[in-house]
C-alpha atoms as a PDB file:
ATOM      1  CA  MET A   1     -36.749  93.284  42.221  1.00  0.00           C
ATOM      2  CA  ARG A   2     -37.527  96.820  40.999  1.00  0.00           C
ATOM      3  CA  VAL A   3     -37.190  97.507  37.261  1.00  0.00           C
ATOM      4  CA  LEU A   4     -38.267 100.826  35.775  1.00  0.00           C
ATOM      5  CA  VAL A   5     -39.502 101.213  32.195  1.00  0.00           C
ATOM      6  CA  VAL A   6     -38.268 104.504  30.731  1.00  0.00           C
ATOM      7  CA  ASP A   7     -40.932 105.910  28.407  1.00  0.00           C
ATOM      8  CA  ASN A   8     -39.479 107.052  25.088  1.00  0.00           C
ATOM      9  CA  GLY A   9     -42.901 107.288  23.436  1.00  0.00           C
ATOM     10  CA  GLY A  10     -43.139 103.731  22.170  1.00  0.00           C
ATOM     11  CA  GLN A  11     -46.442 102.131  21.268  1.00  0.00           C
ATOM     12  CA  TRP A  12     -45.731  99.075  23.436  1.00  0.00           C
ATOM     13  CA  THR A  13     -44.229 100.699  26.548  1.00  0.00           C
ATOM     14  CA  HIS A  14     -47.187  99.481  28.623  1.00  0.00           C
ATOM     15  CA  ARG A  15     -46.610  95.940  27.331  1.00  0.00           C
ATOM     16  CA  GLU A  16     -43.028  96.066  28.634  1.00  0.00           C
ATOM     17  CA  TRP A  17     -44.376  97.159  32.015  1.00  0.00           C
ATOM     18  CA  ARG A  18     -47.033  94.429  31.960  1.00  0.00           C
ATOM     19  CA  VAL A  19     -44.582  91.623  31.133  1.00  0.00           C
ATOM     20  CA  LEU A  20     -42.271  92.711  33.962  1.00  0.00           C
ATOM     21  CA  ARG A  21     -45.240  92.873  36.338  1.00  0.00           C
ATOM     22  CA  ASP A  22     -46.477  89.463  35.209  1.00  0.00           C
ATOM     23  CA  LEU A  23     -43.022  88.043  35.951  1.00  0.00           C
ATOM     24  CA  GLY A  24     -43.216  89.349  39.525  1.00  0.00           C
ATOM     25  CA  ALA A  25     -41.050  92.461  39.278  1.00  0.00           C
ATOM     26  CA  GLU A  26     -41.979  95.683  41.003  1.00  0.00           C
ATOM     27  CA  THR A  27     -42.198  98.039  38.049  1.00  0.00           C
ATOM     28  CA  GLU A  28     -43.472 101.396  36.881  1.00  0.00           C
ATOM     29  CA  ILE A  29     -43.277 103.530  33.761  1.00  0.00           C
ATOM     30  CA  VAL A  30     -41.247 106.723  34.224  1.00  0.00           C
ATOM     31  CA  SER A  31     -40.533 109.749  32.051  1.00  0.00           C
ATOM     32  CA  ASN A  32     -37.260 109.799  30.141  1.00  0.00           C
ATOM     33  CA  ARG A  33     -36.718 113.213  31.757  1.00  0.00           C
ATOM     34  CA  LYS A  34     -36.602 111.762  35.284  1.00  0.00           C
ATOM     35  CA  PRO A  35     -33.332 112.884  36.924  1.00  0.00           C
ATOM     36  CA  VAL A  36     -30.552 110.318  37.120  1.00  0.00           C
ATOM     37  CA  ASP A  37     -30.362 110.527  40.922  1.00  0.00           C
ATOM     38  CA  ALA A  38     -34.106 109.780  41.184  1.00  0.00           C
ATOM     39  CA  MET A  39     -33.779 106.439  39.354  1.00  0.00           C
ATOM     40  CA  VAL A  40     -33.964 104.075  42.326  1.00  0.00           C
ATOM     41  CA  ALA A  41     -34.098 100.608  40.787  1.00  0.00           C
ATOM     42  CA  ASP A  42     -32.328  97.306  40.217  1.00  0.00           C
ATOM     43  CA  GLY A  43     -32.600  97.647  36.442  1.00  0.00           C
ATOM     44  CA  LEU A  44     -33.953  99.796  33.610  1.00  0.00           C
ATOM     45  CA  VAL A  45     -35.702  99.133  30.326  1.00  0.00           C
ATOM     46  CA  LEU A  46     -35.247 101.904  27.734  1.00  0.00           C
ATOM     47  CA  SER A  47     -38.469 101.580  25.752  1.00  0.00           C
ATOM     48  CA  GLY A  48     -38.999 101.892  22.068  1.00  0.00           C
ATOM     49  CA  GLY A  49     -40.227 105.162  20.625  1.00  0.00           C
ATOM     50  CA  SER A  50     -41.988 106.881  17.794  1.00  0.00           C
ATOM     51  CA  PRO A  51     -40.363 106.723  14.353  1.00  0.00           C
ATOM     52  CA  ARG A  52     -36.741 107.887  14.265  1.00  0.00           C
ATOM     53  CA  VAL A  53     -36.632 108.795  17.975  1.00  0.00           C
ATOM     54  CA  GLY A  54     -33.682 106.470  18.598  1.00  0.00           C
ATOM     55  CA  LEU A  55     -31.566 108.677  16.324  1.00  0.00           C
ATOM     56  CA  ASP A  56     -32.632 111.865  18.137  1.00  0.00           C
ATOM     57  CA  GLY A  57     -30.643 112.332  21.334  1.00  0.00           C
ATOM     58  CA  GLU A  58     -32.819 115.237  22.479  1.00  0.00           C
ATOM     59  CA  ALA A  59     -36.010 113.168  22.200  1.00  0.00           C
ATOM     60  CA  MET A  60     -34.388 110.415  24.295  1.00  0.00           C
ATOM     61  CA  GLY A  61     -34.265 112.735  27.317  1.00  0.00           C
ATOM     62  CA  MET A  62     -31.924 111.601  30.081  1.00  0.00           C
ATOM     63  CA  CYS A  63     -31.248 108.132  28.619  1.00  0.00           C
ATOM     64  CA  GLY A  64     -27.605 109.060  27.982  1.00  0.00           C
ATOM     65  CA  GLY A  65     -27.222 110.056  31.619  1.00  0.00           C
ATOM     66  CA  TYR A  66     -28.707 106.735  32.720  1.00  0.00           C
ATOM     67  CA  LEU A  67     -26.210 104.835  30.555  1.00  0.00           C
ATOM     68  CA  ASP A  68     -23.289 106.939  31.776  1.00  0.00           C
ATOM     69  CA  ASN A  69     -24.085 107.167  35.474  1.00  0.00           C
ATOM     70  CA  LEU A  70     -26.201 104.255  36.670  1.00  0.00           C
ATOM     71  CA  ASP A  71     -24.568 101.070  37.903  1.00  0.00           C
ATOM     72  CA  MET A  72     -27.334  98.599  37.060  1.00  0.00           C
ATOM     73  CA  PRO A  73     -28.445  96.381  34.176  1.00  0.00           C
ATOM     74  CA  ILE A  74     -30.076  98.294  31.312  1.00  0.00           C
ATOM     75  CA  LEU A  75     -32.048  96.793  28.425  1.00  0.00           C
ATOM     76  CA  GLY A  76     -32.674  98.987  25.373  1.00  0.00           C
ATOM     77  CA  ILE A  77     -35.535  97.945  23.086  1.00  0.00           C
ATOM     78  CA  CYS A  78     -35.867  99.229  19.487  1.00  0.00           C
ATOM     79  CA  ALA A  79     -35.265 103.008  19.817  1.00  0.00           C
ATOM     80  CA  GLY A  80     -33.628 102.360  23.210  1.00  0.00           C
ATOM     81  CA  HIS A  81     -31.287  99.881  21.496  1.00  0.00           C
ATOM     82  CA  GLN A  82     -30.486 102.309  18.664  1.00  0.00           C
ATOM     83  CA  PHE A  83     -29.847 105.164  21.087  1.00  0.00           C
ATOM     84  CA  MET A  84     -27.625 102.961  23.256  1.00  0.00           C
ATOM     85  CA  ALA A  85     -25.520 102.094  20.211  1.00  0.00           C
ATOM     86  CA  ILE A  86     -25.091 105.727  19.143  1.00  0.00           C
ATOM     87  CA  HIS A  87     -24.467 107.008  22.675  1.00  0.00           C
ATOM     88  CA  MET A  88     -21.841 104.350  23.357  1.00  0.00           C
ATOM     89  CA  GLY A  89     -19.914 105.124  20.153  1.00  0.00           C
ATOM     90  CA  GLY A  90     -21.522 102.915  17.501  1.00  0.00           C
ATOM     91  CA  LYS A  91     -23.843 103.841  14.637  1.00  0.00           C
ATOM     92  CA  ALA A  92     -27.560 103.586  13.964  1.00  0.00           C
ATOM     93  CA  GLU A  93     -28.889 104.681  10.602  1.00  0.00           C
ATOM     94  CA  PRO A  94     -31.879 104.231   8.304  1.00  0.00           C
ATOM     95  CA  SER A  95     -32.382 100.542   7.508  1.00  0.00           C
ATOM     96  CA  ALA A  96     -31.595  99.314   4.011  1.00  0.00           C
ATOM     97  CA  THR A  97     -34.678  97.122   4.476  1.00  0.00           C
ATOM     98  CA  PRO A  98     -37.036  98.365   7.209  1.00  0.00           C
ATOM     99  CA  GLU A  99     -38.647  95.502   9.119  1.00  0.00           C
ATOM    100  CA  PHE A 100     -42.322  95.421  10.075  1.00  0.00           C
ATOM    101  CA  GLY A 101     -44.009  92.269  11.288  1.00  0.00           C
ATOM    102  CA  LYS A 102     -42.567  88.842  11.942  1.00  0.00           C
ATOM    103  CA  THR A 103     -38.862  88.235  11.311  1.00  0.00           C
ATOM    104  CA  LEU A 104     -36.646  85.210  11.871  1.00  0.00           C
ATOM    105  CA  ILE A 105     -33.970  86.035  14.454  1.00  0.00           C
ATOM    106  CA  SER A 106     -30.705  84.057  14.465  1.00  0.00           C
ATOM    107  CA  VAL A 107     -28.878  83.819  17.790  1.00  0.00           C
ATOM    108  CA  VAL A 108     -25.112  84.214  17.336  1.00  0.00           C
ATOM    109  CA  ASP A 109     -24.199  84.175  21.054  1.00  0.00           C
ATOM    110  CA  GLU A 110     -26.781  83.075  23.618  1.00  0.00           C
ATOM    111  CA  ASP A 111     -25.011  84.993  26.431  1.00  0.00           C
ATOM    112  CA  ASP A 112     -27.451  85.714  29.297  1.00  0.00           C
ATOM    113  CA  LEU A 113     -30.541  86.851  27.373  1.00  0.00           C
ATOM    114  CA  PHE A 114     -30.914  83.857  25.051  1.00  0.00           C
ATOM    115  CA  LYS A 115     -29.592  81.084  27.293  1.00  0.00           C
ATOM    116  CA  GLY A 116     -31.513  77.888  26.657  1.00  0.00           C
ATOM    117  CA  LEU A 117     -33.568  79.371  23.808  1.00  0.00           C
ATOM    118  CA  PRO A 118     -33.647  78.035  20.232  1.00  0.00           C
ATOM    119  CA  GLU A 119     -30.876  79.123  17.838  1.00  0.00           C
ATOM    120  CA  SER A 120     -33.550  80.889  15.789  1.00  0.00           C
ATOM    121  CA  PHE A 121     -37.027  82.155  16.591  1.00  0.00           C
ATOM    122  CA  ILE A 122     -39.708  84.498  15.278  1.00  0.00           C
ATOM    123  CA  ALA A 123     -39.771  88.063  16.641  1.00  0.00           C
ATOM    124  CA  TRP A 124     -41.903  91.114  15.977  1.00  0.00           C
ATOM    125  CA  GLU A 125     -40.241  94.091  14.301  1.00  0.00           C
ATOM    126  CA  SER A 126     -41.315  97.682  13.811  1.00  0.00           C
ATOM    127  CA  HIS A 127     -38.371  99.821  12.712  1.00  0.00           C
ATOM    128  CA  ASN A 128     -37.118 102.118   9.970  1.00  0.00           C
ATOM    129  CA  ASP A 129     -33.668 102.480  11.583  1.00  0.00           C
ATOM    130  CA  GLU A 130     -31.157  99.958  12.870  1.00  0.00           C
ATOM    131  CA  VAL A 131     -27.747  99.610  14.468  1.00  0.00           C
ATOM    132  CA  THR A 132     -25.177  99.397  11.671  1.00  0.00           C
ATOM    133  CA  VAL A 133     -21.948  99.500  13.709  1.00  0.00           C
ATOM    134  CA  LEU A 134     -21.560  97.968  17.165  1.00  0.00           C
ATOM    135  CA  PRO A 135     -20.228 100.365  19.805  1.00  0.00           C
ATOM    136  CA  PRO A 136     -16.716  99.691  21.159  1.00  0.00           C
ATOM    137  CA  GLY A 137     -16.804  97.049  23.872  1.00  0.00           C
ATOM    138  CA  PHE A 138     -20.062  95.477  22.650  1.00  0.00           C
ATOM    139  CA  LYS A 139     -20.554  92.049  21.116  1.00  0.00           C
ATOM    140  CA  LEU A 140     -23.171  90.759  18.710  1.00  0.00           C
ATOM    141  CA  LEU A 141     -25.796  88.409  20.168  1.00  0.00           C
ATOM    142  CA  ALA A 142     -28.276  88.034  17.289  1.00  0.00           C
ATOM    143  CA  ASN A 143     -29.051  89.154  13.739  1.00  0.00           C
ATOM    144  CA  SER A 144     -31.595  88.599  10.983  1.00  0.00           C
ATOM    145  CA  GLU A 145     -31.389  88.310   7.227  1.00  0.00           C
ATOM    146  CA  THR A 146     -31.816  92.055   6.720  1.00  0.00           C
ATOM    147  CA  CYS A 147     -30.656  93.519  10.070  1.00  0.00           C
ATOM    148  CA  PRO A 148     -27.038  92.935  11.141  1.00  0.00           C
ATOM    149  CA  VAL A 149     -27.548  93.771  14.847  1.00  0.00           C
ATOM    150  CA  GLN A 150     -30.788  92.395  16.290  1.00  0.00           C
ATOM    151  CA  ALA A 151     -29.220  92.049  19.749  1.00  0.00           C
ATOM    152  CA  MET A 152     -26.026  93.218  21.439  1.00  0.00           C
ATOM    153  CA  ARG A 153     -24.411  93.268  24.837  1.00  0.00           C
ATOM    154  CA  HIS A 154     -21.573  95.190  26.440  1.00  0.00           C
ATOM    155  CA  GLU A 155     -18.669  92.862  27.208  1.00  0.00           C
ATOM    156  CA  SER A 156     -18.109  94.025  30.800  1.00  0.00           C
ATOM    157  CA  ARG A 157     -21.189  96.031  31.829  1.00  0.00           C
ATOM    158  CA  PRO A 158     -24.757  94.653  31.984  1.00  0.00           C
ATOM    159  CA  LEU A 159     -25.970  96.723  29.010  1.00  0.00           C
ATOM    160  CA  PHE A 160     -28.157  94.928  26.458  1.00  0.00           C
ATOM    161  CA  GLY A 161     -29.918  96.044  23.297  1.00  0.00           C
ATOM    162  CA  LEU A 162     -32.684  94.395  21.269  1.00  0.00           C
ATOM    163  CA  GLN A 163     -33.908  95.682  17.915  1.00  0.00           C
ATOM    164  CA  PHE A 164     -37.023  93.480  18.046  1.00  0.00           C
ATOM    165  CA  HIS A 165     -39.894  93.654  20.528  1.00  0.00           C
ATOM    166  CA  PRO A 166     -39.861  90.814  23.101  1.00  0.00           C
ATOM    167  CA  GLU A 167     -42.863  92.339  24.895  1.00  0.00           C
ATOM    168  CA  VAL A 168     -45.430  91.585  22.198  1.00  0.00           C
ATOM    169  CA  GLU A 169     -47.251  88.264  21.855  1.00  0.00           C
ATOM    170  CA  HIS A 170     -45.991  87.769  18.291  1.00  0.00           C
ATOM    171  CA  THR A 171     -42.414  87.276  19.546  1.00  0.00           C
ATOM    172  CA  ASP A 172     -41.530  83.716  20.502  1.00  0.00           C
ATOM    173  CA  ASN A 173     -39.865  83.377  23.919  1.00  0.00           C
ATOM    174  CA  GLY A 174     -40.511  87.022  24.836  1.00  0.00           C
ATOM    175  CA  TYR A 175     -41.311  86.282  28.471  1.00  0.00           C
ATOM    176  CA  GLU A 176     -38.195  84.103  28.699  1.00  0.00           C
ATOM    177  CA  ILE A 177     -36.046  86.959  27.400  1.00  0.00           C
ATOM    178  CA  PHE A 178     -37.491  89.348  29.986  1.00  0.00           C
ATOM    179  CA  GLN A 179     -37.031  86.711  32.704  1.00  0.00           C
ATOM    180  CA  ALA A 180     -33.394  86.348  31.655  1.00  0.00           C
ATOM    181  CA  PHE A 181     -32.978  90.124  32.045  1.00  0.00           C
ATOM    182  CA  LEU A 182     -34.568  89.952  35.511  1.00  0.00           C
ATOM    183  CA  ASP A 183     -32.143  87.144  36.375  1.00  0.00           C
ATOM    184  CA  VAL A 184     -29.260  89.415  35.326  1.00  0.00           C
ATOM    185  CA  CYS A 185     -30.679  92.165  37.546  1.00  0.00           C
ATOM    186  CA  GLU A 186     -30.977  89.766  40.488  1.00  0.00           C
ATOM    187  CA  ALA A 187     -27.428  88.463  40.069  1.00  0.00           C
ATOM    188  CA  TYR A 188     -26.044  91.994  39.683  1.00  0.00           C
ATOM    189  CA  LYS A 189     -27.853  93.151  42.810  1.00  0.00           C
ATOM    190  CA  LYS A 190     -26.279  90.317  44.803  1.00  0.00           C
ATOM    191  CA  GLY A 191     -22.912  91.356  43.400  1.00  0.00           C
END
């Protein structure tokens, strides 16, 4: 299983790579300017980024091209999640209440990513912006008291977004969430 981590300048991009590696995936960190046709993988993780980068399409490099042209599971984290929402026709804007530190996440729909996990768990947040309107064709998977879209998923394509950071040790069940994404990649590869 080969899953690439697209570097959008996030502080925990290497943690995403490490968790995937620890779970047995072949993985590497690649530039968000890597051409679409050079993305040979079974799945992608669109990493988080520096403040506000998720709202800046130019700073997100080729991420829009990956979403439009690659037929594989894609997981957007923080800025990757915000960019996915905007690019697919939703909205991401400054948060009414920015979240930093531990936050209680409430699972609305366990879908593939949260299958078998508790209905609520603690996750690590680090964001000034958030998804405020789901893109067409997406469904809500989780929220928190101050953030309406903590997790989303496209209804027919394997596109997932997480506002929180499953790759850091402060998030409960982070490895399980990444393993669930790898399971999606494996199932999609088998077709």
